[in-house]
Protein backbone atom coordinates (compact mmCIF):
# COMPACT_ATOMS: atom_id res chain seq x y z
CA UNK A 1 151.10 169.48 -21.44
CA UNK A 2 154.31 170.70 -23.10
CA UNK A 3 156.26 167.53 -22.35
CA UNK A 4 156.80 166.93 -26.05
CA UNK A 5 158.72 170.27 -26.34
CA UNK A 6 160.69 170.31 -23.08
CA UNK A 7 162.02 167.20 -21.46
CA UNK A 8 160.72 166.85 -17.87
CA UNK A 9 164.26 166.64 -16.44
CA UNK A 10 165.21 170.01 -17.91
CA UNK A 11 161.91 171.59 -16.92
CA UNK A 12 162.51 170.69 -13.26
CA UNK A 13 165.90 172.39 -13.20
CA UNK A 14 168.12 169.37 -13.70
CA UNK A 15 170.90 170.28 -16.13
CA UNK A 16 172.87 167.90 -18.26
CA UNK A 17 176.61 167.65 -17.63
CA UNK A 18 177.66 169.23 -20.95
CA UNK A 19 174.98 171.93 -21.14
CA UNK A 20 177.36 174.90 -20.98
CA UNK A 21 179.71 173.55 -23.64
CA UNK A 22 176.78 172.75 -25.92
CA UNK A 23 175.55 176.34 -25.68
CA UNK A 24 179.00 177.70 -26.53
CA UNK A 25 179.30 175.35 -29.51
CA UNK A 26 175.86 176.41 -30.72
CA UNK A 27 176.76 180.10 -30.32
CA UNK A 28 179.98 179.61 -32.30
CA UNK A 29 177.97 177.77 -34.95
CA UNK A 30 175.54 180.69 -35.27
CA UNK A 31 178.44 183.14 -35.56
CA UNK A 32 180.01 181.04 -38.33
CA UNK A 33 176.70 180.78 -40.19
CA UNK A 34 176.22 184.56 -39.88
CA UNK A 35 179.75 185.17 -41.18
CA UNK A 36 179.58 182.84 -44.20
CA UNK A 37 175.99 183.55 -45.26
CA UNK A 38 175.64 187.27 -44.55
CA UNK A 39 178.74 189.28 -43.75
CA UNK A 40 181.32 187.75 -46.12
CA UNK A 41 179.22 187.96 -49.32
CA UNK A 42 178.19 191.54 -48.50
CA UNK A 43 181.81 192.57 -47.93
CA UNK A 44 182.78 190.92 -51.22
CA UNK A 45 180.07 192.85 -53.13
CA UNK A 46 181.12 196.12 -51.46
CA UNK A 47 184.75 195.54 -52.46
CA UNK A 48 183.75 194.83 -56.09
CA UNK A 49 181.58 197.97 -56.20
CA UNK A 50 184.42 200.08 -54.80
CA UNK A 51 186.75 198.75 -57.52
CA UNK A 52 184.08 199.45 -60.17
CA UNK A 53 183.71 203.05 -59.01
CA UNK A 54 187.47 203.54 -58.78
CA UNK A 55 187.93 202.40 -62.37
CA UNK A 56 185.41 204.76 -63.97
CA UNK A 57 186.81 206.84 -66.82
CA UNK A 58 185.58 209.21 -69.49
CA UNK A 59 183.84 207.32 -72.29
CA UNK A 60 182.62 204.40 -70.19
CA UNK A 61 179.01 203.38 -70.72
CA UNK A 62 177.26 202.92 -67.38
CA UNK A 63 173.87 202.22 -65.88
CA UNK A 64 172.93 203.84 -62.58
CA UNK A 65 170.69 202.45 -59.85
CA UNK A 66 167.54 204.04 -61.26
CA UNK A 67 168.05 202.33 -64.62
CA UNK A 68 169.36 205.37 -66.49
CA UNK A 69 171.93 204.47 -69.16
CA UNK A 70 174.55 206.89 -70.45
CA UNK A 71 178.15 207.64 -71.36
CA UNK A 72 180.51 209.20 -68.80
CA UNK A 73 181.78 212.61 -69.93
CA UNK A 74 183.52 213.87 -66.79
CA UNK A 75 184.69 212.21 -63.57
CA UNK A 76 185.50 213.97 -60.29
CA UNK A 77 186.07 212.69 -56.75
CA UNK A 78 182.42 212.29 -55.71
CA UNK A 79 180.39 212.94 -58.88
CA UNK A 80 180.40 212.20 -62.57
CA UNK A 81 178.70 213.76 -65.57
CA UNK A 82 176.81 211.39 -67.78
CA UNK A 83 175.43 212.05 -71.25
CA UNK A 84 172.05 210.35 -71.52
CA UNK A 85 171.07 211.80 -74.91
CA UNK A 86 172.67 214.06 -77.52
CA UNK A 87 173.35 217.33 -75.70
CA UNK A 88 171.76 216.19 -72.42
CA UNK A 89 174.06 215.67 -69.44
CA UNK A 90 173.20 214.84 -65.86
CA UNK A 91 175.40 214.87 -62.78
CA UNK A 92 175.16 211.79 -60.56
CA UNK A 93 177.02 210.49 -57.54
CA UNK A 94 179.62 207.85 -58.28
CA UNK A 95 177.97 205.51 -55.77
CA UNK A 96 174.82 205.47 -57.94
CA UNK A 97 176.62 203.56 -60.70
CA UNK A 98 175.33 200.00 -60.71
CA UNK A 99 177.34 198.56 -63.61
CA UNK A 100 179.72 199.40 -66.43
CA UNK A 101 178.34 198.24 -69.76
CA UNK A 102 180.36 196.92 -72.72
CA UNK A 103 181.29 199.50 -75.37
CA UNK A 104 178.57 199.95 -77.98
CA UNK A 105 175.68 198.98 -75.72
CA UNK A 106 174.01 202.39 -75.98
CA UNK A 107 173.99 202.25 -79.80
CA UNK A 108 172.41 198.81 -79.76
CA UNK A 109 169.56 199.89 -77.48
């Protein structure tokens, strides 16, 4: 019934001569695909985000993950203060910063 999916010789227990090597090659292929499609791009993004956070300074205009836009007023090791309106400051974690905006972006909004 399932002859179209599994060859009868393999279903009866007969193994091909290069079966073990083919499995190893396929496993290595899956590992390479996983590395190039998943792990490497994620590591690259994490490295870029770490550089972005390390380069934050007072006066930078940033947007955080929730979409809040503001100007950095104070930077510490783990947190930063961000002015979101005249006289309104919020403290956020540095990791929440999604992007640094070009100077003057807040005025143009």
